[in-house]
PDB file of N, CA and C in Angstrom:
ATOM      1  N   UNK A   1      92.329 105.869 108.534  1.00  0.00           N
ATOM      2  CA  UNK A   1      93.584 105.832 107.719  1.00  0.00           C
ATOM      3  C   UNK A   1      94.080 104.594 107.596  1.00  0.00           C
ATOM      4  N   UNK A   2      94.698 104.228 106.306  1.00  0.00           N
ATOM      5  CA  UNK A   2      95.388 103.005 106.067  1.00  0.00           C
ATOM      6  C   UNK A   2      96.841 103.182 105.909  1.00  0.00           C
ATOM      7  N   UNK A   3      97.715 102.423 106.373  1.00  0.00           N
ATOM      8  CA  UNK A   3      99.089 102.536 106.273  1.00  0.00           C
ATOM      9  C   UNK A   3      99.839 101.144 106.030  1.00  0.00           C
ATOM     10  N   UNK A   4     100.980 101.309 105.535  1.00  0.00           N
ATOM     11  CA  UNK A   4     101.848 100.002 105.265  1.00  0.00           C
ATOM     12  C   UNK A   4     102.922 100.277 104.324  1.00  0.00           C
ATOM     13  N   UNK A   5     103.930  99.432 104.444  1.00  0.00           N
ATOM     14  CA  UNK A   5     105.121  99.667 103.528  1.00  0.00           C
ATOM     15  C   UNK A   5     104.635  99.015 102.187  1.00  0.00           C
ATOM     16  N   UNK A   6     105.342  99.461 101.115  1.00  0.00           N
ATOM     17  CA  UNK A   6     105.107  98.899  99.745  1.00  0.00           C
ATOM     18  C   UNK A   6     105.107  97.244  99.779  1.00  0.00           C
ATOM     19  N   UNK A   7     104.311  96.618  99.185  1.00  0.00           N
ATOM     20  CA  UNK A   7     104.239  95.172  99.054  1.00  0.00           C
ATOM     21  C   UNK A   7     103.660  94.627 100.180  1.00  0.00           C
ATOM     22  N   UNK A   8     102.999  95.315 101.262  1.00  0.00           N
ATOM     23  CA  UNK A   8     102.676  94.852 102.416  1.00  0.00           C
ATOM     24  C   UNK A   8     100.979  94.402 102.339  1.00  0.00           C
ATOM     25  N   UNK A   9     100.414  94.935 101.332  1.00  0.00           N
ATOM     26  CA  UNK A   9      99.029  94.627 101.098  1.00  0.00           C
ATOM     27  C   UNK A   9      98.074  95.750 101.278  1.00  0.00           C
ATOM     28  N   UNK A  10      98.709  97.152 101.173  1.00  0.00           N
ATOM     29  CA  UNK A  10      97.950  98.368 101.460  1.00  0.00           C
ATOM     30  C   UNK A  10      96.832  98.428 100.299  1.00  0.00           C
ATOM     31  N   UNK A  11      97.023  98.057  98.986  1.00  0.00           N
ATOM     32  CA  UNK A  11      96.053  98.209  98.025  1.00  0.00           C
ATOM     33  C   UNK A  11      94.756  97.206  98.331  1.00  0.00           C
ATOM     34  N   UNK A  12      95.178  96.028  98.680  1.00  0.00           N
ATOM     35  CA  UNK A  12      94.121  95.051  99.120  1.00  0.00           C
ATOM     36  C   UNK A  12      93.341  95.574 100.353  1.00  0.00           C
ATOM     37  N   UNK A  13      93.996  96.106 101.350  1.00  0.00           N
ATOM     38  CA  UNK A  13      93.423  96.660 102.628  1.00  0.00           C
ATOM     39  C   UNK A  13      92.588  97.678 102.191  1.00  0.00           C
ATOM     40  N   UNK A  14      92.925  98.558 101.388  1.00  0.00           N
ATOM     41  CA  UNK A  14      92.064  99.784 100.981  1.00  0.00           C
ATOM     42  C   UNK A  14      90.799  99.332 100.437  1.00  0.00           C
ATOM     43  N   UNK A  15      90.841  98.365  99.277  1.00  0.00           N
ATOM     44  CA  UNK A  15      89.815  97.951  98.561  1.00  0.00           C
ATOM     45  C   UNK A  15      88.812  97.070  99.442  1.00  0.00           C
ATOM     46  N   UNK A  16      89.417  96.357 100.465  1.00  0.00           N
ATOM     47  CA  UNK A  16      88.527  95.709 101.606  1.00  0.00           C
ATOM     48  C   UNK A  16      87.793  96.775 102.383  1.00  0.00           C
ATOM     49  N   UNK A  17      88.447  97.712 102.795  1.00  0.00           N
ATOM     50  CA  UNK A  17      87.823  98.728 103.871  1.00  0.00           C
ATOM     51  C   UNK A  17      86.558  99.372 102.778  1.00  0.00           C
ATOM     52  N   UNK A  18      86.889  99.773 101.659  1.00  0.00           N
ATOM     53  CA  UNK A  18      85.900 100.418 100.927  1.00  0.00           C
ATOM     54  C   UNK A  18      84.774  99.480 100.544  1.00  0.00           C
ATOM     55  N   UNK A  19      85.154  98.196 100.291  1.00  0.00           N
ATOM     56  CA  UNK A  19      83.920  97.389  99.978  1.00  0.00           C
ATOM     57  C   UNK A  19      83.146  97.090 101.343  1.00  0.00           C
ATOM     58  N   UNK A  20      83.788  97.175 102.484  1.00  0.00           N
ATOM     59  CA  UNK A  20      82.880  97.156 103.771  1.00  0.00           C
ATOM     60  C   UNK A  20      82.200  98.523 103.862  1.00  0.00           C
ATOM     61  N   UNK A  21      82.333  99.525 103.230  1.00  0.00           N
ATOM     62  CA  UNK A  21      81.739 100.662 103.540  1.00  0.00           C
ATOM     63  C   UNK A  21      82.409 101.563 104.475  1.00  0.00           C
ATOM     64  N   UNK A  22      83.575 101.330 104.730  1.00  0.00           N
ATOM     65  CA  UNK A  22      84.408 102.154 105.586  1.00  0.00           C
ATOM     66  C   UNK A  22      85.149 103.245 105.097  1.00  0.00           C
ATOM     67  N   UNK A  23      84.838 104.511 105.523  1.00  0.00           N
ATOM     68  CA  UNK A  23      85.512 105.639 105.038  1.00  0.00           C
ATOM     69  C   UNK A  23      86.900 105.750 105.271  1.00  0.00           C
ATOM     70  N   UNK A  24      87.816 105.931 104.347  1.00  0.00           N
ATOM     71  CA  UNK A  24      89.181 105.983 104.291  1.00  0.00           C
ATOM     72  C   UNK A  24      89.675 107.443 104.154  1.00  0.00           C
ATOM     73  N   UNK A  25      90.177 107.977 105.214  1.00  0.00           N
ATOM     74  CA  UNK A  25      90.601 109.351 104.969  1.00  0.00           C
ATOM     75  C   UNK A  25      91.783 109.564 103.957  1.00  0.00           C
ATOM     76  N   UNK A  26      92.685 108.614 103.793  1.00  0.00           N
ATOM     77  CA  UNK A  26      93.692 108.785 102.959  1.00  0.00           C
ATOM     78  C   UNK A  26      93.511 107.789 101.754  1.00  0.00           C
ATOM     79  N   UNK A  27      92.282 107.994 101.198  1.00  0.00           N
ATOM     80  CA  UNK A  27      91.883 107.010 100.073  1.00  0.00           C
ATOM     81  C   UNK A  27      92.901 107.420  98.883  1.00  0.00           C
ATOM     82  N   UNK A  28      93.143 108.658  98.581  1.00  0.00           N
ATOM     83  CA  UNK A  28      93.914 109.175  97.519  1.00  0.00           C
ATOM     84  C   UNK A  28      95.150 109.400  98.025  1.00  0.00           C
ATOM     85  N   UNK A  29      96.519 109.046  97.457  1.00  0.00           N
ATOM     86  CA  UNK A  29      97.683 109.363  98.067  1.00  0.00           C
ATOM     87  C   UNK A  29      98.199 110.734  97.601  1.00  0.00           C
ATOM     88  N   UNK A  30      98.393 111.473  98.703  1.00  0.00           N
ATOM     89  CA  UNK A  30      99.124 112.830  98.491  1.00  0.00           C
ATOM     90  C   UNK A  30     100.750 112.482  98.195  1.00  0.00           C
ATOM     91  N   UNK A  31     101.412 113.613  98.148  1.00  0.00           N
ATOM     92  CA  UNK A  31     102.875 113.512  97.937  1.00  0.00           C
ATOM     93  C   UNK A  31     103.446 112.331  98.846  1.00  0.00           C
ATOM     94  N   UNK A  32     104.418 111.823  98.439  1.00  0.00           N
ATOM     95  CA  UNK A  32     105.044 110.646  99.251  1.00  0.00           C
ATOM     96  C   UNK A  32     105.642 110.941 100.431  1.00  0.00           C
ATOM     97  N   UNK A  33     105.941 112.228 100.688  1.00  0.00           N
ATOM     98  CA  UNK A  33     106.654 112.617 102.037  1.00  0.00           C
ATOM     99  C   UNK A  33     105.613 113.247 102.893  1.00  0.00           C
ATOM    100  N   UNK A  34     104.191 113.198 102.404  1.00  0.00           N
ATOM    101  CA  UNK A  34     103.330 113.688 103.343  1.00  0.00           C
ATOM    102  C   UNK A  34     102.721 112.711 104.383  1.00  0.00           C
ATOM    103  N   UNK A  35     102.544 113.258 105.523  1.00  0.00           N
ATOM    104  CA  UNK A  35     102.228 112.190 106.622  1.00  0.00           C
ATOM    105  C   UNK A  35     100.877 111.437 106.432  1.00  0.00           C
ATOM    106  N   UNK A  36      99.849 111.831 105.540  1.00  0.00           N
ATOM    107  CA  UNK A  36      98.967 111.130 105.214  1.00  0.00           C
ATOM    108  C   UNK A  36      99.010 110.069 103.932  1.00  0.00           C
ATOM    109  N   UNK A  37     100.174 109.988 103.499  1.00  0.00           N
ATOM    110  CA  UNK A  37     100.406 109.017 102.459  1.00  0.00           C
ATOM    111  C   UNK A  37     100.574 107.580 103.153  1.00  0.00           C
ATOM    112  N   UNK A  38      99.971 106.546 102.496  1.00  0.00           N
ATOM    113  CA  UNK A  38      99.894 105.254 103.036  1.00  0.00           C
ATOM    114  C   UNK A  38     101.151 104.566 103.254  1.00  0.00           C
ATOM    115  N   UNK A  39     102.180 105.075 102.540  1.00  0.00           N
ATOM    116  CA  UNK A  39     103.587 104.500 102.836  1.00  0.00           C
ATOM    117  C   UNK A  39     104.357 105.469 103.716  1.00  0.00           C
ATOM    118  N   UNK A  40     103.938 106.300 104.428  1.00  0.00           N
ATOM    119  CA  UNK A  40     104.813 107.281 105.229  1.00  0.00           C
ATOM    120  C   UNK A  40     105.690 106.519 106.017  1.00  0.00           C
ATOM    121  N   UNK A  41     106.842 106.845 106.020  1.00  0.00           N
ATOM    122  CA  UNK A  41     107.849 106.274 107.115  1.00  0.00           C
ATOM    123  C   UNK A  41     107.862 106.778 108.465  1.00  0.00           C
ATOM    124  N   UNK A  42     107.300 106.037 109.469  1.00  0.00           N
ATOM    125  CA  UNK A  42     107.096 106.764 110.790  1.00  0.00           C
ATOM    126  C   UNK A  42     108.230 106.417 111.620  1.00  0.00           C
ATOM    127  N   UNK A  43     109.073 105.590 111.393  1.00  0.00           N
ATOM    128  CA  UNK A  43     110.012 104.974 112.294  1.00  0.00           C
ATOM    129  C   UNK A  43     111.079 106.135 112.553  1.00  0.00           C
ATOM    130  N   UNK A  44     111.390 106.126 113.821  1.00  0.00           N
ATOM    131  CA  UNK A  44     112.219 107.205 114.315  1.00  0.00           C
ATOM    132  C   UNK A  44     113.611 107.140 113.758  1.00  0.00           C
ATOM    133  N   UNK A  45     114.143 105.972 113.584  1.00  0.00           N
ATOM    134  CA  UNK A  45     115.392 105.648 112.830  1.00  0.00           C
ATOM    135  C   UNK A  45     115.322 105.520 111.566  1.00  0.00           C
ATOM    136  N   UNK A  46     115.563 106.519 110.644  1.00  0.00           N
ATOM    137  CA  UNK A  46     115.505 106.610 109.247  1.00  0.00           C
ATOM    138  C   UNK A  46     116.565 106.022 108.515  1.00  0.00           C
ATOM    139  N   UNK A  47     117.751 105.610 109.421  1.00  0.00           N
ATOM    140  CA  UNK A  47     118.898 105.067 108.749  1.00  0.00           C
ATOM    141  C   UNK A  47     118.725 103.620 107.973  1.00  0.00           C
ATOM    142  N   UNK A  48     117.526 102.921 108.321  1.00  0.00           N
ATOM    143  CA  UNK A  48     117.166 101.856 107.565  1.00  0.00           C
ATOM    144  C   UNK A  48     116.680 102.038 106.201  1.00  0.00           C
ATOM    145  N   UNK A  49     116.408 103.207 105.775  1.00  0.00           N
ATOM    146  CA  UNK A  49     115.737 103.490 104.512  1.00  0.00           C
ATOM    147  C   UNK A  49     117.001 103.443 103.383  1.00  0.00           C
ATOM    148  N   UNK A  50     116.621 102.732 102.353  1.00  0.00           N
ATOM    149  CA  UNK A  50     117.496 102.813 101.219  1.00  0.00           C
ATOM    150  C   UNK A  50     117.456 104.242 100.420  1.00  0.00           C
ATOM    151  N   UNK A  51     118.455 104.483  99.777  1.00  0.00           N
ATOM    152  CA  UNK A  51     118.536 105.881  99.214  1.00  0.00           C
ATOM    153  C   UNK A  51     117.277 106.343  98.487  1.00  0.00           C
ATOM    154  N   UNK A  52     116.874 105.391  97.436  1.00  0.00           N
ATOM    155  CA  UNK A  52     115.709 105.900  96.553  1.00  0.00           C
ATOM    156  C   UNK A  52     114.300 106.079  97.572  1.00  0.00           C
ATOM    157  N   UNK A  53     114.218 105.296  98.497  1.00  0.00           N
ATOM    158  CA  UNK A  53     113.112 105.485  99.456  1.00  0.00           C
ATOM    159  C   UNK A  53     113.161 106.617 100.115  1.00  0.00           C
ATOM    160  N   UNK A  54     114.432 106.939 100.903  1.00  0.00           N
ATOM    161  CA  UNK A  54     114.689 108.161 101.614  1.00  0.00           C
ATOM    162  C   UNK A  54     114.442 109.374 100.784  1.00  0.00           C
ATOM    163  N   UNK A  55     114.953 109.431  99.561  1.00  0.00           N
ATOM    164  CA  UNK A  55     114.594 110.412  98.708  1.00  0.00           C
ATOM    165  C   UNK A  55     113.033 110.804  98.447  1.00  0.00           C
ATOM    166  N   UNK A  56     112.290 109.854  98.300  1.00  0.00           N
ATOM    167  CA  UNK A  56     110.902 109.885  98.106  1.00  0.00           C
ATOM    168  C   UNK A  56     109.914 110.153  99.209  1.00  0.00           C
ATOM    169  N   UNK A  57     110.326 109.352 100.255  1.00  0.00           N
ATOM    170  CA  UNK A  57     109.528 109.388 101.453  1.00  0.00           C
ATOM    171  C   UNK A  57     110.164 109.960 102.775  1.00  0.00           C
ATOM    172  N   UNK A  58     111.270 110.692 102.452  1.00  0.00           N
ATOM    173  CA  UNK A  58     112.004 111.211 103.589  1.00  0.00           C
ATOM    174  C   UNK A  58     111.163 112.209 104.457  1.00  0.00           C
ATOM    175  N   UNK A  59     111.229 112.215 105.694  1.00  0.00           N
ATOM    176  CA  UNK A  59     110.537 113.062 106.505  1.00  0.00           C
ATOM    177  C   UNK A  59     111.165 112.917 108.042  1.00  0.00           C
ATOM    178  N   UNK A  60     110.578 113.949 108.846  1.00  0.00           N
ATOM    179  CA  UNK A  60     111.199 113.845 110.227  1.00  0.00           C
ATOM    180  C   UNK A  60     110.134 113.470 111.128  1.00  0.00           C
ATOM    181  N   UNK A  61     108.996 112.647 110.519  1.00  0.00           N
ATOM    182  CA  UNK A  61     108.026 112.339 111.542  1.00  0.00           C
ATOM    183  C   UNK A  61     108.411 111.089 112.440  1.00  0.00           C
ATOM    184  N   UNK A  62     108.037 111.300 113.651  1.00  0.00           N
ATOM    185  CA  UNK A  62     108.327 109.957 114.584  1.00  0.00           C
ATOM    186  C   UNK A  62     107.367 110.132 115.746  1.00  0.00           C
ATOM    187  N   UNK A  63     106.201 109.991 115.527  1.00  0.00           N
ATOM    188  CA  UNK A  63     105.189 110.247 116.810  1.00  0.00           C
ATOM    189  C   UNK A  63     105.323 109.049 117.587  1.00  0.00           C
ATOM    190  N   UNK A  64     105.202 109.318 118.869  1.00  0.00           N
ATOM    191  CA  UNK A  64     105.305 108.401 120.022  1.00  0.00           C
ATOM    192  C   UNK A  64     103.824 107.977 120.422  1.00  0.00           C
ATOM    193  N   UNK A  65     102.809 108.601 120.084  1.00  0.00           N
ATOM    194  CA  UNK A  65     101.361 108.244 120.405  1.00  0.00           C
ATOM    195  C   UNK A  65     100.431 108.361 119.316  1.00  0.00           C
ATOM    196  N   UNK A  66      99.447 107.645 119.212  1.00  0.00           N
ATOM    197  CA  UNK A  66      98.304 107.818 118.437  1.00  0.00           C
ATOM    198  C   UNK A  66      97.847 109.267 118.196  1.00  0.00           C
ATOM    199  N   UNK A  67      97.700 109.909 119.407  1.00  0.00           N
ATOM    200  CA  UNK A  67      97.187 111.307 119.288  1.00  0.00           C
ATOM    201  C   UNK A  67      98.355 112.242 118.569  1.00  0.00           C
ATOM    202  N   UNK A  68      99.666 112.003 118.815  1.00  0.00           N
ATOM    203  CA  UNK A  68     100.597 112.776 118.037  1.00  0.00           C
ATOM    204  C   UNK A  68     100.554 112.255 116.597  1.00  0.00           C
ATOM    205  N   UNK A  69     100.320 111.094 116.154  1.00  0.00           N
ATOM    206  CA  UNK A  69     100.121 110.673 114.749  1.00  0.00           C
ATOM    207  C   UNK A  69      98.945 111.504 114.175  1.00  0.00           C
ATOM    208  N   UNK A  70      97.824 111.575 114.845  1.00  0.00           N
ATOM    209  CA  UNK A  70      96.634 112.151 114.458  1.00  0.00           C
ATOM    210  C   UNK A  70      96.909 113.732 114.298  1.00  0.00           C
ATOM    211  N   UNK A  71      97.633 114.305 115.209  1.00  0.00           N
ATOM    212  CA  UNK A  71      97.934 115.724 114.914  1.00  0.00           C
ATOM    213  C   UNK A  71      98.892 115.925 113.712  1.00  0.00           C
ATOM    214  N   UNK A  72      99.889 115.136 113.635  1.00  0.00           N
ATOM    215  CA  UNK A  72     100.825 115.294 112.391  1.00  0.00           C
ATOM    216  C   UNK A  72     100.095 115.076 111.242  1.00  0.00           C
ATOM    217  N   UNK A  73      99.177 114.066 111.017  1.00  0.00           N
ATOM    218  CA  UNK A  73      98.286 113.785 109.980  1.00  0.00           C
ATOM    219  C   UNK A  73      97.122 114.908 109.759  1.00  0.00           C
ATOM    220  N   UNK A  74      96.985 115.709 110.818  1.00  0.00           N
ATOM    221  CA  UNK A  74      95.810 116.706 110.651  1.00  0.00           C
ATOM    222  C   UNK A  74      94.459 116.084 110.413  1.00  0.00           C
ATOM    223  N   UNK A  75      94.356 114.947 111.346  1.00  0.00           N
ATOM    224  CA  UNK A  75      93.059 114.329 111.236  1.00  0.00           C
ATOM    225  C   UNK A  75      92.396 114.387 112.708  1.00  0.00           C
ATOM    226  N   UNK A  76      91.090 114.106 112.839  1.00  0.00           N
ATOM    227  CA  UNK A  76      90.471 114.297 114.012  1.00  0.00           C
ATOM    228  C   UNK A  76      91.101 113.195 115.038  1.00  0.00           C
ATOM    229  N   UNK A  77      91.291 113.801 116.454  1.00  0.00           N
ATOM    230  CA  UNK A  77      91.860 112.744 117.403  1.00  0.00           C
ATOM    231  C   UNK A  77      90.705 111.632 117.580  1.00  0.00           C
ATOM    232  N   UNK A  78      91.414 110.566 117.588  1.00  0.00           N
ATOM    233  CA  UNK A  78      90.685 109.161 117.685  1.00  0.00           C
ATOM    234  C   UNK A  78      90.289 108.557 116.306  1.00  0.00           C
ATOM    235  N   UNK A  79      90.949 109.132 115.488  1.00  0.00           N
ATOM    236  CA  UNK A  79      90.780 108.434 114.069  1.00  0.00           C
ATOM    237  C   UNK A  79      91.499 107.149 114.043  1.00  0.00           C
ATOM    238  N   UNK A  80      90.755 106.145 113.353  1.00  0.00           N
ATOM    239  CA  UNK A  80      91.107 104.705 113.293  1.00  0.00           C
ATOM    240  C   UNK A  80      92.450 104.669 112.282  1.00  0.00           C
ATOM    241  N   UNK A  81      93.373 103.850 112.755  1.00  0.00           N
ATOM    242  CA  UNK A  81      94.466 103.659 111.703  1.00  0.00           C
ATOM    243  C   UNK A  81      94.556 102.125 111.655  1.00  0.00           C
ATOM    244  N   UNK A  82      94.472 101.739 110.289  1.00  0.00           N
ATOM    245  CA  UNK A  82      94.592 100.175 110.237  1.00  0.00           C
ATOM    246  C   UNK A  82      95.997 100.038 109.404  1.00  0.00           C
ATOM    247  N   UNK A  83      96.862  99.032 109.751  1.00  0.00           N
ATOM    248  CA  UNK A  83      98.121  98.936 109.315  1.00  0.00           C
ATOM    249  C   UNK A  83      98.270  97.564 108.692  1.00  0.00           C
ATOM    250  N   UNK A  84      98.605  97.642 107.346  1.00  0.00           N
ATOM    251  CA  UNK A  84      98.855  96.456 106.646  1.00  0.00           C
ATOM    252  C   UNK A  84     100.182  95.932 106.920  1.00  0.00           C
ATOM    253  N   UNK A  85     100.331  94.532 107.241  1.00  0.00           N
ATOM    254  CA  UNK A  85     101.757  94.007 107.466  1.00  0.00           C
ATOM    255  C   UNK A  85     101.807  92.866 106.698  1.00  0.00           C
ATOM    256  N   UNK A  86     103.064  92.463 106.113  1.00  0.00           N
ATOM    257  CA  UNK A  86     103.259  91.367 105.388  1.00  0.00           C
ATOM    258  C   UNK A  86     104.440  90.598 105.816  1.00  0.00           C
ATOM    259  N   UNK A  87     104.574  89.466 105.149  1.00  0.00           N
ATOM    260  CA  UNK A  87     105.791  88.752 105.539  1.00  0.00           C
ATOM    261  C   UNK A  87     106.987  89.323 104.778  1.00  0.00           C
ATOM    262  N   UNK A  88     108.235  89.314 105.358  1.00  0.00           N
ATOM    263  CA  UNK A  88     109.295  90.057 104.856  1.00  0.00           C
ATOM    264  C   UNK A  88     109.905  89.178 103.646  1.00  0.00           C
ATOM    265  N   UNK A  89     109.809  87.852 103.505  1.00  0.00           N
ATOM    266  CA  UNK A  89     110.076  87.060 102.436  1.00  0.00           C
ATOM    267  C   UNK A  89     109.117  87.414 101.266  1.00  0.00           C
ATOM    268  N   UNK A  90     107.922  87.532 101.510  1.00  0.00           N
ATOM    269  CA  UNK A  90     106.860  87.798 100.438  1.00  0.00           C
ATOM    270  C   UNK A  90     107.140  89.232  99.764  1.00  0.00           C
ATOM    271  N   UNK A  91     107.656  90.283 100.728  1.00  0.00           N
ATOM    272  CA  UNK A  91     107.881  91.445 100.253  1.00  0.00           C
ATOM    273  C   UNK A  91     109.049  91.494  99.326  1.00  0.00           C
ATOM    274  N   UNK A  92     109.990  90.815  99.922  1.00  0.00           N
ATOM    275  CA  UNK A  92     111.211  90.862  99.071  1.00  0.00           C
ATOM    276  C   UNK A  92     111.088  90.038  97.641  1.00  0.00           C
ATOM    277  N   UNK A  93     110.347  89.027  97.572  1.00  0.00           N
ATOM    278  CA  UNK A  93     110.018  88.442  96.233  1.00  0.00           C
ATOM    279  C   UNK A  93     109.209  89.156  95.368  1.00  0.00           C
ATOM    280  N   UNK A  94     108.314  90.168  96.069  1.00  0.00           N
ATOM    281  CA  UNK A  94     107.418  90.980  95.084  1.00  0.00           C
ATOM    282  C   UNK A  94     108.103  92.201  94.462  1.00  0.00           C
ATOM    283  N   UNK A  95     109.229  92.642  95.397  1.00  0.00           N
ATOM    284  CA  UNK A  95     109.970  93.970  94.983  1.00  0.00           C
ATOM    285  C   UNK A  95     110.542  93.885  93.738  1.00  0.00           C
ATOM    286  N   UNK A  96     110.469  94.830  92.718  1.00  0.00           N
ATOM    287  CA  UNK A  96     111.066  94.834  91.410  1.00  0.00           C
ATOM    288  C   UNK A  96     112.570  94.879  91.596  1.00  0.00           C
ATOM    289  N   UNK A  97     113.225  94.738  90.580  1.00  0.00           N
ATOM    290  CA  UNK A  97     114.678  94.713  90.538  1.00  0.00           C
ATOM    291  C   UNK A  97     115.110  96.079  90.927  1.00  0.00           C
ATOM    292  N   UNK A  98     116.056  96.392  91.773  1.00  0.00           N
ATOM    293  CA  UNK A  98     116.527  97.456  92.309  1.00  0.00           C
ATOM    294  C   UNK A  98     115.922  97.847  93.579  1.00  0.00           C
ATOM    295  N   UNK A  99     114.914  97.159  94.168  1.00  0.00           N
ATOM    296  CA  UNK A  99     114.387  97.490  95.309  1.00  0.00           C
ATOM    297  C   UNK A  99     113.445  98.590  95.434  1.00  0.00           C
ATOM    298  N   UNK A 100     112.219  98.237  96.124  1.00  0.00           N
ATOM    299  CA  UNK A 100     111.211  99.154  96.331  1.00  0.00           C
ATOM    300  C   UNK A 100     110.627  99.056  97.635  1.00  0.00           C
ATOM    301  N   UNK A 101     111.512  98.564  98.701  1.00  0.00           N
ATOM    302  CA  UNK A 101     110.845  98.462 100.023  1.00  0.00           C
ATOM    303  C   UNK A 101     112.072  98.769 100.973  1.00  0.00           C
ATOM    304  N   UNK A 102     111.790  99.124 102.213  1.00  0.00           N
ATOM    305  CA  UNK A 102     112.838  99.351 103.212  1.00  0.00           C
ATOM    306  C   UNK A 102     112.389  98.469 104.220  1.00  0.00           C
ATOM    307  N   UNK A 103     113.340  97.825 104.918  1.00  0.00           N
ATOM    308  CA  UNK A 103     113.181  97.002 105.919  1.00  0.00           C
ATOM    309  C   UNK A 103     113.678  97.322 107.227  1.00  0.00           C
ATOM    310  N   UNK A 104     113.139  97.439 108.363  1.00  0.00           N
ATOM    311  CA  UNK A 104     113.712  98.042 109.662  1.00  0.00           C
ATOM    312  C   UNK A 104     112.967  97.473 110.797  1.00  0.00           C
ATOM    313  N   UNK A 105     113.364  97.600 112.017  1.00  0.00           N
ATOM    314  CA  UNK A 105     112.618  97.225 113.149  1.00  0.00           C
ATOM    315  C   UNK A 105     111.416  97.946 113.298  1.00  0.00           C
ATOM    316  N   UNK A 106     110.390  97.385 113.837  1.00  0.00           N
ATOM    317  CA  UNK A 106     109.016  98.183 113.956  1.00  0.00           C
ATOM    318  C   UNK A 106     109.247  99.072 114.964  1.00  0.00           C
TER     319      UNK A 106
END
């Protein structure tokens, strides 16, 4: 599975994994509040989410272990999870007017 916030490189990560022949379980994005969505918000403190993001990606998921993450995502235990991270400044510069990202502590 691949994960990351908007503007963090998730599309590049997905393309790279596919070109390497790596199967990606969340190749297609389900609903934005689905735990298998690449932009799922996993942090326990959801107060850092701006209103438009909270409406679209809102959930109560806050796994404390990878096994818990696998269970929530309904994928086999031991599934590999690859996370795209990017620089905050680059994400802010790439965000469209009105904001499309949520920043918070990891």
